[in-house]
Amino acid sequence: MTIMQAYLIYAVLAAFFASLVPIFGKIGLKDVDPTMATTIRAIIMAIFLVTVTFFVKPKMSGINRYSILFITLSGVSGALSWLFYFMAIKNGRVPAVVAIDKTSVALAIFLSWLVLGSEMNIKTVIGALLIVLGAILVSL
């Protein structure tokens, strides 16, 4: 398997497991405060990832202040995303919340072009707009 094939498999697995988050979350949030639920989820994730890291034993090369800063910013962004996501699914319709949340894909495409200089062509623009349109349709 090439690296190109591996990233596609990882992306499909990420999408599959991400699809379980709102289902399990909505069930688990029935009588629980979303902030507490997000905290519990983060602790479970930290324990799980520390355990995986222990067995995988990744290389520590390349870690510097610059990478730590942006990994930290990514972590804070992710934590805020989870917190607001759980607040939304606690009180809202899961299909609407999930659809609106997925507009982050279109926003990430735009930001990757703006910040990272990623390629932006007409197919990418139309695809991103269709994601936003789909989210609007599902959330109505």
Protein backbone atom coordinates (compact mmCIF):
# COMPACT_ATOMS: atom_id res chain seq x y z
CA MET A 1 0.00 0.00 0.00
CA THR A 2 1.35 3.40 -0.95
CA ILE A 3 1.22 6.49 1.25
CA MET A 4 -1.49 7.90 -1.04
CA GLN A 5 -3.69 4.85 -0.48
CA ALA A 6 -3.05 4.87 3.26
CA TYR A 7 -4.25 8.45 3.71
CA LEU A 8 -7.54 7.58 1.96
CA ILE A 9 -8.11 4.62 4.27
CA TYR A 10 -7.32 6.78 7.30
CA ALA A 11 -9.71 9.48 6.03
CA VAL A 12 -12.55 6.97 5.60
CA LEU A 13 -11.91 5.55 9.07
CA ALA A 14 -11.85 9.10 10.50
CA ALA A 15 -15.20 9.84 8.84
CA PHE A 16 -16.71 6.59 10.10
CA PHE A 17 -15.66 7.15 13.71
CA ALA A 18 -16.62 10.83 13.52
CA SER A 19 -20.10 9.72 12.44
CA LEU A 20 -20.47 7.84 15.73
CA VAL A 21 -19.67 10.93 17.87
CA PRO A 22 -23.07 12.65 17.59
CA ILE A 23 -24.98 9.39 18.00
CA PHE A 24 -23.17 8.30 21.15
CA GLY A 25 -22.99 11.92 22.32
CA LYS A 26 -26.73 12.57 22.00
CA ILE A 27 -27.50 9.37 23.94
CA GLY A 28 -24.89 10.17 26.61
CA LEU A 29 -25.95 13.79 27.00
CA LYS A 30 -29.52 12.95 28.01
CA ASP A 31 -29.07 14.02 31.66
CA VAL A 32 -25.52 15.42 31.53
CA ASP A 33 -24.20 18.97 31.19
CA PRO A 34 -22.41 19.41 27.83
CA THR A 35 -19.33 20.96 29.49
CA MET A 36 -18.96 17.97 31.82
CA ALA A 37 -19.53 15.56 28.93
CA THR A 38 -16.87 17.32 26.84
CA THR A 39 -14.44 17.14 29.75
CA ILE A 40 -15.08 13.42 30.28
CA ARG A 41 -14.68 12.82 26.54
CA ALA A 42 -11.37 14.71 26.50
CA ILE A 43 -10.02 12.71 29.45
CA ILE A 44 -11.00 9.42 27.80
CA MET A 45 -9.38 10.54 24.55
CA ALA A 46 -6.19 11.59 26.37
CA ILE A 47 -5.94 8.25 28.18
CA PHE A 48 -6.60 6.36 24.95
CA LEU A 49 -4.05 8.35 22.96
CA VAL A 50 -1.36 8.11 25.64
CA THR A 51 -1.89 4.33 25.64
CA VAL A 52 -1.63 4.16 21.83
CA THR A 53 1.50 6.33 21.91
CA PHE A 54 3.06 4.00 24.49
CA PHE A 55 2.64 1.05 22.13
CA VAL A 56 3.49 2.86 18.86
CA LYS A 57 6.55 4.66 20.29
CA PRO A 58 6.65 7.53 17.76
CA LYS A 59 9.84 9.47 17.03
CA MET A 60 10.21 12.74 18.95
CA SER A 61 12.18 14.48 16.20
CA GLY A 62 10.78 17.66 14.68
CA ILE A 63 9.08 18.87 17.84
CA ASN A 64 10.05 22.46 18.59
CA ARG A 65 8.43 25.60 20.05
CA TYR A 66 6.87 26.50 16.72
CA SER A 67 5.24 23.08 16.25
CA ILE A 68 4.13 22.99 19.91
CA LEU A 69 2.49 26.41 19.51
CA PHE A 70 0.43 25.34 16.50
CA ILE A 71 -0.39 21.91 17.94
CA THR A 72 -1.59 23.74 21.08
CA LEU A 73 -3.71 26.13 18.99
CA SER A 74 -5.12 23.13 17.14
CA GLY A 75 -5.95 21.47 20.47
CA VAL A 76 -7.69 24.55 21.84
CA SER A 77 -9.64 24.91 18.58
CA GLY A 78 -10.66 21.25 18.77
CA ALA A 79 -11.72 21.56 22.41
CA LEU A 80 -13.85 24.61 21.64
CA SER A 81 -15.36 22.78 18.66
CA TRP A 82 -16.29 19.77 20.82
CA LEU A 83 -17.72 21.96 23.56
CA PHE A 84 -19.99 23.88 21.18
CA TYR A 85 -20.83 20.67 19.30
CA PHE A 86 -21.98 18.93 22.48
CA MET A 87 -23.96 22.04 23.51
CA ALA A 88 -25.66 21.98 20.12
CA ILE A 89 -26.50 18.25 20.04
CA LYS A 90 -27.72 18.35 23.65
CA ASN A 91 -30.53 20.72 22.69
CA GLY A 92 -30.83 20.39 18.91
CA ARG A 93 -31.62 17.98 16.14
CA VAL A 94 -28.59 15.81 15.41
CA PRO A 95 -29.00 15.94 11.59
CA ALA A 96 -29.09 19.75 11.64
CA VAL A 97 -26.16 20.08 14.03
CA VAL A 98 -24.04 17.59 12.09
CA ALA A 99 -24.81 19.31 8.78
CA ILE A 100 -23.95 22.76 10.12
CA ASP A 101 -20.80 21.40 11.77
CA LYS A 102 -19.66 19.96 8.45
CA THR A 103 -19.60 23.41 6.90
CA SER A 104 -16.23 23.44 8.65
CA VAL A 105 -15.03 21.44 5.63
CA ALA A 106 -15.82 24.33 3.28
CA LEU A 107 -14.32 26.82 5.73
CA ALA A 108 -11.16 24.69 6.06
CA ILE A 109 -10.85 24.56 2.26
CA PHE A 110 -11.05 28.36 2.09
CA LEU A 111 -8.65 28.84 5.03
CA SER A 112 -6.15 26.33 3.57
CA TRP A 113 -6.13 28.42 0.39
CA LEU A 114 -5.84 31.71 2.30
CA VAL A 115 -3.31 30.66 4.97
CA LEU A 116 -1.45 27.68 3.47
CA GLY A 117 -1.59 28.58 -0.21
CA SER A 118 -3.39 25.35 -1.15
CA GLU A 119 -4.60 25.03 -4.71
CA MET A 120 -8.07 26.47 -5.36
CA ASN A 121 -9.79 25.70 -8.64
CA ILE A 122 -13.37 25.87 -9.87
CA LYS A 123 -14.08 22.24 -8.90
CA THR A 124 -12.92 22.93 -5.35
CA VAL A 125 -15.01 26.10 -5.10
CA ILE A 126 -18.13 24.38 -6.46
CA GLY A 127 -17.59 21.41 -4.14
CA ALA A 128 -17.25 23.67 -1.10
CA LEU A 129 -20.36 25.63 -2.09
CA LEU A 130 -22.30 22.37 -2.50
CA ILE A 131 -21.24 21.35 1.02
CA VAL A 132 -22.63 24.62 2.37
CA LEU A 133 -25.82 24.28 0.31
CA GLY A 134 -26.27 20.70 1.51
CA ALA A 135 -25.83 21.81 5.12
CA ILE A 136 -28.47 24.50 4.67
CA LEU A 137 -30.90 22.01 3.13
CA VAL A 138 -30.39 19.39 5.84
CA SER A 139 -30.64 21.92 8.68
CA LEU A 140 -33.92 23.48 7.53
